[in-house]
C-alpha atoms as a PDB file:
ATOM      1  CA  MET A   1     -13.289   2.409  24.453  1.00  0.00           C
ATOM      2  CA  ASN A   2     -12.334  -1.103  24.008  1.00  0.00           C
ATOM      3  CA  ARG A   3     -14.889  -2.328  23.426  1.00  0.00           C
ATOM      4  CA  THR A   4     -15.873   0.589  20.610  1.00  0.00           C
ATOM      5  CA  LYS A   5     -13.050  -0.863  19.130  1.00  0.00           C
ATOM      6  CA  ALA A   6     -13.467  -4.260  19.493  1.00  0.00           C
ATOM      7  CA  ILE A   7     -16.379  -3.636  17.351  1.00  0.00           C
ATOM      8  CA  VAL A   8     -15.146  -1.304  14.891  1.00  0.00           C
ATOM      9  CA  GLY A   9     -12.525  -4.206  14.211  1.00  0.00           C
ATOM     10  CA  ILE A  10     -14.816  -7.115  13.756  1.00  0.00           C
ATOM     11  CA  ALA A  11     -17.128  -4.927  11.358  1.00  0.00           C
ATOM     12  CA  VAL A  12     -14.377  -4.374   9.308  1.00  0.00           C
ATOM     13  CA  ILE A  13     -13.510  -7.558   8.978  1.00  0.00           C
ATOM     14  CA  ILE A  14     -16.427  -8.597   8.104  1.00  0.00           C
ATOM     15  CA  LEU A  15     -16.950  -5.799   5.140  1.00  0.00           C
ATOM     16  CA  LEU A  16     -13.248  -7.377   3.992  1.00  0.00           C
ATOM     17  CA  GLY A  17     -14.704 -10.771   4.339  1.00  0.00           C
ATOM     18  CA  ALA A  18     -17.855 -10.395   2.361  1.00  0.00           C
ATOM     19  CA  GLY A  19     -15.897  -7.547  -0.165  1.00  0.00           C
ATOM     20  CA  GLY A  20     -13.177 -10.985  -0.652  1.00  0.00           C
ATOM     21  CA  PHE A  21     -16.170 -13.553  -1.354  1.00  0.00           C
ATOM     22  CA  PHE A  22     -18.133 -10.988  -3.331  1.00  0.00           C
ATOM     23  CA  PHE A  23     -14.898 -10.300  -5.403  1.00  0.00           C
ATOM     24  CA  TRP A  24     -13.603 -13.614  -6.046  1.00  0.00           C
ATOM     25  CA  ASN A  25     -16.779 -15.255  -6.593  1.00  0.00           C
ATOM     26  CA  GLY A  26     -18.809 -12.480  -8.320  1.00  0.00           C
ATOM     27  CA  TYR A  27     -16.604 -11.517 -10.525  1.00  0.00           C
ATOM     28  CA  PRO A  28     -16.943 -11.692 -14.145  1.00  0.00           C
ATOM     29  CA  LYS A  29     -13.350 -13.570 -15.531  1.00  0.00           C
ATOM     30  CA  GLU A  30     -12.553 -14.574 -18.673  1.00  0.00           C
ATOM     31  CA  SER A  31     -13.468 -17.518 -20.646  1.00  0.00           C
ATOM     32  CA  GLY A  32     -10.811 -19.694 -22.243  1.00  0.00           C
ATOM     33  CA  GLN A  33      -9.249 -20.016 -18.374  1.00  0.00           C
ATOM     34  CA  GLY A  34     -12.242 -23.153 -16.873  1.00  0.00           C
ATOM     35  CA  ASP A  35     -14.815 -19.917 -16.254  1.00  0.00           C
ATOM     36  CA  THR A  36     -18.273 -20.792 -17.023  1.00  0.00           C
ATOM     37  CA  TYR A  37     -18.992 -16.751 -16.888  1.00  0.00           C
ATOM     38  CA  GLU A  38     -18.720 -16.165 -20.849  1.00  0.00           C
ATOM     39  CA  GLN A  39     -20.621 -19.747 -21.804  1.00  0.00           C
ATOM     40  CA  THR A  40     -23.856 -17.417 -21.357  1.00  0.00           C
ATOM     41  CA  LEU A  41     -22.582 -14.599 -24.125  1.00  0.00           C
ATOM     42  CA  SER A  42     -24.124 -15.857 -26.909  1.00  0.00           C
ATOM     43  CA  ALA A  43     -22.411 -14.834 -29.932  1.00  0.00           C
ATOM     44  CA  ASP A  44     -26.318 -15.236 -31.695  1.00  0.00           C
ATOM     45  CA  ALA A  45     -27.714 -11.878 -28.855  1.00  0.00           C
ATOM     46  CA  LEU A  46     -24.611 -10.283 -30.743  1.00  0.00           C
ATOM     47  CA  PHE A  47     -25.789 -11.347 -34.618  1.00  0.00           C
ATOM     48  CA  GLY A  48     -28.898 -10.302 -33.634  1.00  0.00           C
ATOM     49  CA  LEU A  49     -27.566  -6.571 -32.818  1.00  0.00           C
ATOM     50  CA  VAL A  50     -28.345  -4.035 -35.572  1.00  0.00           C
ATOM     51  CA  LEU A  51     -25.354  -1.047 -35.308  1.00  0.00           C
ATOM     52  CA  SER A  52     -24.258   1.440 -38.372  1.00  0.00           C
ATOM     53  CA  ASP A  53     -21.396   1.281 -40.403  1.00  0.00           C
ATOM     54  CA  GLU A  54     -19.235   4.192 -41.142  1.00  0.00           C
ATOM     55  CA  ASN A  55     -21.826   5.535 -44.247  1.00  0.00           C
ATOM     56  CA  GLY A  56     -24.207   5.607 -41.386  1.00  0.00           C
ATOM     57  CA  ASP A  57     -26.208   2.342 -43.411  1.00  0.00           C
ATOM     58  CA  PHE A  58     -27.464  -0.341 -41.099  1.00  0.00           C
ATOM     59  CA  ALA A  59     -24.808  -3.233 -40.768  1.00  0.00           C
ATOM     60  CA  THR A  60     -25.246  -6.568 -38.625  1.00  0.00           C
ATOM     61  CA  LEU A  61     -22.697  -8.640 -36.544  1.00  0.00           C
ATOM     62  CA  ALA A  62     -24.500 -11.504 -38.203  1.00  0.00           C
ATOM     63  CA  ASP A  63     -23.101 -10.994 -42.073  1.00  0.00           C
ATOM     64  CA  TYR A  64     -19.288 -12.258 -40.198  1.00  0.00           C
ATOM     65  CA  LYS A  65     -21.002 -15.670 -39.186  1.00  0.00           C
ATOM     66  CA  GLY A  66     -18.614 -18.304 -40.644  1.00  0.00           C
ATOM     67  CA  ARG A  67     -15.861 -16.282 -40.056  1.00  0.00           C
ATOM     68  CA  ASN A  68     -13.283 -15.980 -37.110  1.00  0.00           C
ATOM     69  CA  VAL A  69     -13.935 -12.566 -35.875  1.00  0.00           C
ATOM     70  CA  ILE A  70     -12.383 -10.134 -32.822  1.00  0.00           C
ATOM     71  CA  ILE A  71     -15.245  -8.075 -31.756  1.00  0.00           C
ATOM     72  CA  ASN A  72     -13.812  -4.864 -29.470  1.00  0.00           C
ATOM     73  CA  ALA A  73     -15.709  -2.669 -28.030  1.00  0.00           C
ATOM     74  CA  TRP A  74     -13.781   1.330 -27.987  1.00  0.00           C
ATOM     75  CA  ALA A  75     -14.641   4.838 -27.458  1.00  0.00           C
ATOM     76  CA  THR A  76     -12.934   8.006 -27.719  1.00  0.00           C
ATOM     77  CA  TRP A  77     -12.872   8.317 -23.845  1.00  0.00           C
ATOM     78  CA  CYS A  78     -10.869   5.324 -22.748  1.00  0.00           C
ATOM     79  CA  PRO A  79      -7.311   5.404 -22.662  1.00  0.00           C
ATOM     80  CA  TYR A  80      -6.582   2.451 -23.576  1.00  0.00           C
ATOM     81  CA  CYS A  81      -8.679   1.898 -27.069  1.00  0.00           C
ATOM     82  CA  ALA A  82      -6.290   4.067 -29.550  1.00  0.00           C
ATOM     83  CA  GLY A  83      -3.215   2.201 -28.395  1.00  0.00           C
ATOM     84  CA  GLU A  84      -5.157  -1.400 -28.760  1.00  0.00           C
ATOM     85  CA  LEU A  85      -6.893  -0.310 -31.925  1.00  0.00           C
ATOM     86  CA  LYS A  86      -3.723  -0.093 -33.822  1.00  0.00           C
ATOM     87  CA  GLU A  87      -2.562  -3.673 -31.955  1.00  0.00           C
ATOM     88  CA  LEU A  88      -5.465  -4.967 -33.702  1.00  0.00           C
ATOM     89  CA  ALA A  89      -4.956  -3.502 -36.843  1.00  0.00           C
ATOM     90  CA  ARG A  90      -1.587  -4.733 -36.580  1.00  0.00           C
ATOM     91  CA  VAL A  91      -2.619  -8.206 -36.063  1.00  0.00           C
ATOM     92  CA  LYS A  92      -5.769  -8.110 -39.013  1.00  0.00           C
ATOM     93  CA  ASN A  93      -2.641  -6.737 -41.384  1.00  0.00           C
ATOM     94  CA  GLU A  94      -0.375  -9.994 -39.965  1.00  0.00           C
ATOM     95  CA  TYR A  95      -3.220 -12.764 -40.760  1.00  0.00           C
ATOM     96  CA  GLY A  96      -5.142 -10.563 -43.635  1.00  0.00           C
ATOM     97  CA  ASP A  97      -8.154 -12.527 -44.705  1.00  0.00           C
ATOM     98  CA  ALA A  98      -8.224 -15.581 -42.448  1.00  0.00           C
ATOM     99  CA  LEU A  99      -9.508 -13.180 -39.719  1.00  0.00           C
ATOM    100  CA  ILE A 100     -12.151 -10.148 -39.461  1.00  0.00           C
ATOM    101  CA  VAL A 101     -11.681  -7.745 -36.741  1.00  0.00           C
ATOM    102  CA  ILE A 102     -14.478  -5.954 -35.713  1.00  0.00           C
ATOM    103  CA  ALA A 103     -13.720  -1.922 -33.548  1.00  0.00           C
ATOM    104  CA  VAL A 104     -17.673  -1.297 -32.292  1.00  0.00           C
ATOM    105  CA  ASN A 105     -17.627   2.401 -30.738  1.00  0.00           C
ATOM    106  CA  ARG A 106     -19.636   2.575 -27.848  1.00  0.00           C
ATOM    107  CA  GLY A 107     -22.494   5.630 -27.103  1.00  0.00           C
ATOM    108  CA  GLU A 108     -20.892   8.435 -29.322  1.00  0.00           C
ATOM    109  CA  PRO A 109     -22.122  10.170 -32.057  1.00  0.00           C
ATOM    110  CA  ARG A 110     -20.588   8.881 -34.949  1.00  0.00           C
ATOM    111  CA  GLU A 111     -19.002  11.892 -36.557  1.00  0.00           C
ATOM    112  CA  ALA A 112     -17.261  12.048 -33.440  1.00  0.00           C
ATOM    113  CA  ALA A 113     -16.189   8.361 -33.693  1.00  0.00           C
ATOM    114  CA  ARG A 114     -14.680   9.105 -37.428  1.00  0.00           C
ATOM    115  CA  SER A 115     -13.084  12.547 -36.464  1.00  0.00           C
ATOM    116  CA  TYR A 116     -10.802  10.388 -33.410  1.00  0.00           C
ATOM    117  CA  LEU A 117     -10.280   7.869 -36.021  1.00  0.00           C
ATOM    118  CA  ALA A 118      -9.137  10.650 -38.462  1.00  0.00           C
ATOM    119  CA  GLN A 119      -7.201  12.547 -36.088  1.00  0.00           C
ATOM    120  CA  LYS A 120      -5.140   9.405 -34.230  1.00  0.00           C
ATOM    121  CA  ASN A 121      -4.314   7.672 -37.750  1.00  0.00           C
ATOM    122  CA  LEU A 122      -6.789   4.813 -36.941  1.00  0.00           C
ATOM    123  CA  GLU A 123      -9.039   5.099 -40.367  1.00  0.00           C
ATOM    124  CA  GLY A 124      -9.013   1.512 -42.488  1.00  0.00           C
ATOM    125  CA  THR A 125      -8.012  -1.672 -42.119  1.00  0.00           C
ATOM    126  CA  LEU A 126     -10.659  -2.674 -39.242  1.00  0.00           C
ATOM    127  CA  ARG A 127     -14.472  -2.840 -39.942  1.00  0.00           C
ATOM    128  CA  TYR A 128     -15.870  -0.067 -37.628  1.00  0.00           C
ATOM    129  CA  LEU A 129     -18.984  -0.208 -36.342  1.00  0.00           C
ATOM    130  CA  PHE A 130     -21.135   2.442 -34.098  1.00  0.00           C
ATOM    131  CA  ASP A 131     -23.693   1.990 -31.936  1.00  0.00           C
ATOM    132  CA  PRO A 132     -25.174   4.865 -30.504  1.00  0.00           C
ATOM    133  CA  ASP A 133     -27.692   3.228 -27.957  1.00  0.00           C
ATOM    134  CA  ASP A 134     -24.653   1.005 -26.338  1.00  0.00           C
ATOM    135  CA  SER A 135     -26.019  -2.153 -27.003  1.00  0.00           C
ATOM    136  CA  PHE A 136     -23.609  -4.077 -27.731  1.00  0.00           C
ATOM    137  CA  TYR A 137     -21.520  -3.341 -24.531  1.00  0.00           C
ATOM    138  CA  LYS A 138     -24.706  -4.091 -22.296  1.00  0.00           C
ATOM    139  CA  THR A 139     -25.316  -7.102 -24.681  1.00  0.00           C
ATOM    140  CA  ILE A 140     -21.899  -8.662 -23.222  1.00  0.00           C
ATOM    141  CA  ARG A 141     -22.058  -7.295 -20.353  1.00  0.00           C
ATOM    142  CA  GLY A 142     -19.644  -4.659 -20.266  1.00  0.00           C
ATOM    143  CA  PHE A 143     -17.549  -3.362 -17.637  1.00  0.00           C
ATOM    144  CA  SER A 144     -14.024  -2.703 -18.750  1.00  0.00           C
ATOM    145  CA  MET A 145     -12.310  -0.428 -21.639  1.00  0.00           C
ATOM    146  CA  PRO A 146     -11.678  -1.943 -24.081  1.00  0.00           C
ATOM    147  CA  GLU A 147     -13.584  -5.054 -24.087  1.00  0.00           C
ATOM    148  CA  THR A 148     -12.738  -7.987 -27.173  1.00  0.00           C
ATOM    149  CA  ILE A 149     -14.275 -10.714 -27.942  1.00  0.00           C
ATOM    150  CA  PHE A 150     -12.956 -13.606 -30.387  1.00  0.00           C
ATOM    151  CA  ILE A 151     -15.765 -15.286 -32.091  1.00  0.00           C
ATOM    152  CA  ASP A 152     -15.160 -18.452 -33.965  1.00  0.00           C
ATOM    153  CA  LYS A 153     -15.969 -19.699 -37.957  1.00  0.00           C
ATOM    154  CA  LYS A 154     -19.125 -22.456 -35.333  1.00  0.00           C
ATOM    155  CA  GLY A 155     -20.832 -19.093 -34.335  1.00  0.00           C
ATOM    156  CA  GLU A 156     -19.046 -19.619 -31.127  1.00  0.00           C
ATOM    157  CA  VAL A 157     -17.916 -16.874 -28.635  1.00  0.00           C
ATOM    158  CA  ARG A 158     -14.535 -18.476 -27.205  1.00  0.00           C
ATOM    159  CA  PHE A 159     -12.822 -15.676 -25.277  1.00  0.00           C
ATOM    160  CA  HIS A 160     -13.472 -12.595 -23.905  1.00  0.00           C
ATOM    161  CA  LYS A 161     -11.150  -9.996 -22.759  1.00  0.00           C
ATOM    162  CA  ARG A 162     -11.660  -7.334 -20.393  1.00  0.00           C
ATOM    163  CA  GLY A 163      -8.899  -4.659 -20.464  1.00  0.00           C
ATOM    164  CA  PRO A 164      -6.514  -4.057 -23.318  1.00  0.00           C
ATOM    165  CA  MET A 165      -4.444  -6.514 -25.180  1.00  0.00           C
ATOM    166  CA  ASN A 166      -1.011  -6.031 -26.220  1.00  0.00           C
ATOM    167  CA  THR A 167       0.538  -7.265 -30.256  1.00  0.00           C
ATOM    168  CA  GLU A 168       1.388 -10.783 -28.376  1.00  0.00           C
ATOM    169  CA  GLU A 169      -1.695 -11.545 -26.581  1.00  0.00           C
ATOM    170  CA  LEU A 170      -3.558 -10.916 -29.586  1.00  0.00           C
ATOM    171  CA  ARG A 171      -1.502 -13.067 -31.741  1.00  0.00           C
ATOM    172  CA  ARG A 172      -1.517 -15.937 -29.621  1.00  0.00           C
ATOM    173  CA  ARG A 173      -5.141 -15.701 -28.962  1.00  0.00           C
ATOM    174  CA  ALA A 174      -6.424 -16.114 -32.483  1.00  0.00           C
ATOM    175  CA  GLN A 175      -3.780 -19.011 -33.840  1.00  0.00           C
ATOM    176  CA  ASP A 176      -4.703 -21.071 -30.396  1.00  0.00           C
ATOM    177  CA  ILE A 177      -8.405 -20.198 -30.405  1.00  0.00           C
ATOM    178  CA  PHE A 178      -8.638 -20.014 -34.663  1.00  0.00           C
ATOM    179  CA  GLY A 179      -5.529 -22.104 -35.705  1.00  0.00           C
ATOM    180  CA  ILE A 180      -4.578 -19.472 -37.917  1.00  0.00           C
END
């Protein structure tokens, strides 16, 4: 009996240790904090994606090269996304043409996403693009919602946030990264 408890205890310790090692060493983190994970995220890969706009026409992120861009991945089922879209609209209104904010819907029919935006009074201000194949999210190796990426005028990914951001954090990042 004591031997069985000891074996189970050792197994639990090994599993916890392995889990902790994976979490701390294998878990992708935000860039801009000395991490190397996002250095592998290429803005060129993002600029090459073909999405659709609100009218169903093809659109690419390459149209925004040379601009300060914030790109946000969102979905109607995400509990934090509507709030973050409002925060992004607030920041976009504050900075005007100095900043482009693109909100990419992940993997949902365009009409369903547009209906959601209208229902939540989120239309206008932001540039909404639709990605029914979810290629944007796959390209950024997304795993949390919402996800927000800052790309500077040089076309470099400068920051990638997994999870919601409030207005203050969005402002601070825009000022630090874009100098606006």
